[in-house]
Amino acid sequence: MATWSSLPGYLSSLEKQNGAGAYRRLIDEATPLMPQMARMTRRIYDNLMLATGLRK
């Protein structure tokens, strides 16, 4: 998410759509979810590797 803030126009677009302080709220809401999201993406990746035969 920190990288997103460096994209041209990202912060202004986010605040235009979601109001002032939107980036801070996004960080505050998403940060506690990151460990669970990391586990889920790892599981998806591992299953994809198995399903495609790239890993046995």
N, C-alpha and C. Protein backbone atom coordinates (compact mmCIF):
# COMPACT_ATOMS: atom_id res chain seq x y z
N MET A 1 0.82 -1.18 0.00
CA MET A 1 0.00 0.00 0.00
C MET A 1 0.87 1.25 0.00
N ALA A 2 2.01 1.17 0.63
CA ALA A 2 2.88 2.35 0.66
C ALA A 2 3.31 2.72 -0.76
N THR A 3 3.52 1.73 -1.60
CA THR A 3 3.91 2.00 -2.98
C THR A 3 2.80 2.70 -3.74
N TRP A 4 1.56 2.37 -3.44
CA TRP A 4 0.44 3.01 -4.13
C TRP A 4 0.48 4.51 -3.97
N SER A 5 0.89 4.96 -2.79
CA SER A 5 0.88 6.40 -2.53
C SER A 5 1.86 7.15 -3.41
N SER A 6 2.82 6.45 -4.01
CA SER A 6 3.79 7.10 -4.88
C SER A 6 3.30 7.18 -6.34
N LEU A 7 2.19 6.52 -6.64
CA LEU A 7 1.67 6.57 -8.01
C LEU A 7 1.06 7.94 -8.28
N PRO A 8 1.38 8.52 -9.42
CA PRO A 8 0.82 9.84 -9.73
C PRO A 8 -0.70 9.84 -9.67
N GLY A 9 -1.23 10.75 -8.91
CA GLY A 9 -2.67 10.92 -8.86
C GLY A 9 -3.41 9.95 -7.95
N TYR A 10 -2.73 8.96 -7.38
CA TYR A 10 -3.43 7.96 -6.58
C TYR A 10 -4.09 8.58 -5.35
N LEU A 11 -3.32 9.31 -4.57
CA LEU A 11 -3.87 9.86 -3.33
C LEU A 11 -5.00 10.84 -3.60
N SER A 12 -4.83 11.68 -4.61
CA SER A 12 -5.89 12.64 -4.90
C SER A 12 -7.14 11.93 -5.39
N SER A 13 -6.99 10.89 -6.18
CA SER A 13 -8.13 10.12 -6.65
C SER A 13 -8.83 9.41 -5.49
N LEU A 14 -8.04 8.82 -4.62
CA LEU A 14 -8.59 8.12 -3.46
C LEU A 14 -9.38 9.08 -2.58
N GLU A 15 -8.82 10.25 -2.34
CA GLU A 15 -9.52 11.22 -1.50
C GLU A 15 -10.72 11.83 -2.22
N LYS A 16 -10.65 11.95 -3.53
CA LYS A 16 -11.80 12.44 -4.28
C LYS A 16 -12.98 11.48 -4.14
N GLN A 17 -12.68 10.19 -4.18
CA GLN A 17 -13.73 9.17 -4.10
C GLN A 17 -14.20 8.91 -2.68
N ASN A 18 -13.29 9.03 -1.71
CA ASN A 18 -13.60 8.59 -0.35
C ASN A 18 -13.43 9.67 0.72
N GLY A 19 -13.13 10.87 0.33
CA GLY A 19 -13.03 11.98 1.27
C GLY A 19 -11.65 12.16 1.87
N ALA A 20 -11.49 13.27 2.54
CA ALA A 20 -10.21 13.60 3.17
C ALA A 20 -9.81 12.52 4.17
N GLY A 21 -8.53 12.20 4.18
CA GLY A 21 -8.02 11.19 5.11
C GLY A 21 -8.24 9.77 4.66
N ALA A 22 -8.67 9.57 3.42
CA ALA A 22 -8.99 8.23 2.92
C ALA A 22 -7.79 7.29 2.95
N TYR A 23 -6.61 7.79 2.61
CA TYR A 23 -5.43 6.92 2.60
C TYR A 23 -5.11 6.44 4.02
N ARG A 24 -5.16 7.32 4.97
CA ARG A 24 -4.89 6.94 6.37
C ARG A 24 -5.91 5.92 6.85
N ARG A 25 -7.18 6.10 6.50
CA ARG A 25 -8.21 5.13 6.88
C ARG A 25 -7.95 3.78 6.23
N LEU A 26 -7.55 3.80 4.96
CA LEU A 26 -7.22 2.56 4.26
C LEU A 26 -6.10 1.82 4.97
N ILE A 27 -5.05 2.53 5.31
CA ILE A 27 -3.92 1.93 6.02
C ILE A 27 -4.38 1.36 7.36
N ASP A 28 -5.14 2.15 8.11
CA ASP A 28 -5.59 1.73 9.44
C ASP A 28 -6.50 0.50 9.37
N GLU A 29 -7.33 0.42 8.35
CA GLU A 29 -8.26 -0.72 8.23
C GLU A 29 -7.57 -1.95 7.66
N ALA A 30 -6.66 -1.77 6.72
CA ALA A 30 -6.05 -2.90 6.03
C ALA A 30 -4.89 -3.54 6.79
N THR A 31 -4.14 -2.75 7.53
CA THR A 31 -2.95 -3.27 8.20
C THR A 31 -3.24 -4.48 9.09
N PRO A 32 -4.27 -4.46 9.92
CA PRO A 32 -4.53 -5.64 10.76
C PRO A 32 -4.91 -6.89 9.94
N LEU A 33 -5.36 -6.69 8.71
CA LEU A 33 -5.78 -7.81 7.87
C LEU A 33 -4.63 -8.45 7.10
N MET A 34 -3.47 -7.80 7.06
CA MET A 34 -2.36 -8.26 6.23
C MET A 34 -1.88 -9.68 6.53
N PRO A 35 -1.72 -10.09 7.78
CA PRO A 35 -1.28 -11.48 8.01
C PRO A 35 -2.23 -12.51 7.40
N GLN A 36 -3.53 -12.31 7.57
CA GLN A 36 -4.50 -13.25 7.00
C GLN A 36 -4.46 -13.21 5.47
N MET A 37 -4.33 -12.01 4.90
CA MET A 37 -4.26 -11.88 3.45
C MET A 37 -3.01 -12.57 2.91
N ALA A 38 -1.89 -12.46 3.62
CA ALA A 38 -0.65 -13.11 3.20
C ALA A 38 -0.82 -14.63 3.20
N ARG A 39 -1.47 -15.15 4.22
CA ARG A 39 -1.71 -16.61 4.27
C ARG A 39 -2.59 -17.06 3.11
N MET A 40 -3.65 -16.30 2.83
CA MET A 40 -4.56 -16.67 1.75
C MET A 40 -3.86 -16.60 0.39
N THR A 41 -3.08 -15.56 0.15
CA THR A 41 -2.40 -15.47 -1.15
C THR A 41 -1.36 -16.56 -1.31
N ARG A 42 -0.70 -16.94 -0.22
CA ARG A 42 0.25 -18.05 -0.27
C ARG A 42 -0.46 -19.34 -0.63
N ARG A 43 -1.63 -19.56 -0.04
CA ARG A 43 -2.41 -20.77 -0.31
C ARG A 43 -2.87 -20.81 -1.77
N ILE A 44 -3.33 -19.68 -2.28
CA ILE A 44 -3.74 -19.60 -3.69
C ILE A 44 -2.57 -19.90 -4.60
N TYR A 45 -1.42 -19.29 -4.31
CA TYR A 45 -0.22 -19.52 -5.12
C TYR A 45 0.18 -21.00 -5.08
N ASP A 46 0.25 -21.56 -3.89
CA ASP A 46 0.63 -22.97 -3.77
C ASP A 46 -0.33 -23.88 -4.54
N ASN A 47 -1.63 -23.61 -4.43
CA ASN A 47 -2.62 -24.43 -5.15
C ASN A 47 -2.49 -24.27 -6.66
N LEU A 48 -2.20 -23.07 -7.11
CA LEU A 48 -1.99 -22.84 -8.54
C LEU A 48 -0.77 -23.60 -9.04
N MET A 49 0.30 -23.57 -8.27
CA MET A 49 1.50 -24.30 -8.66
C MET A 49 1.23 -25.80 -8.75
N LEU A 50 0.47 -26.32 -7.82
CA LEU A 50 0.12 -27.75 -7.84
C LEU A 50 -0.81 -28.06 -9.01
N ALA A 51 -1.81 -27.22 -9.24
CA ALA A 51 -2.78 -27.47 -10.29
C ALA A 51 -2.17 -27.42 -11.67
N THR A 52 -1.15 -26.61 -11.86
CA THR A 52 -0.51 -26.48 -13.17
C THR A 52 0.62 -27.48 -13.37
N GLY A 53 0.93 -28.22 -12.31
CA GLY A 53 2.01 -29.20 -12.40
C GLY A 53 3.39 -28.60 -12.27
N LEU A 54 3.47 -27.34 -11.93
CA LEU A 54 4.78 -26.71 -11.76
C LEU A 54 5.44 -27.08 -10.44
N ARG A 55 4.64 -27.65 -9.55
CA ARG A 55 5.16 -28.17 -8.28
C ARG A 55 4.38 -29.42 -7.96
N LYS A 56 5.07 -30.39 -7.43
CA LYS A 56 4.43 -31.66 -7.08
C LYS A 56 4.41 -31.85 -5.60
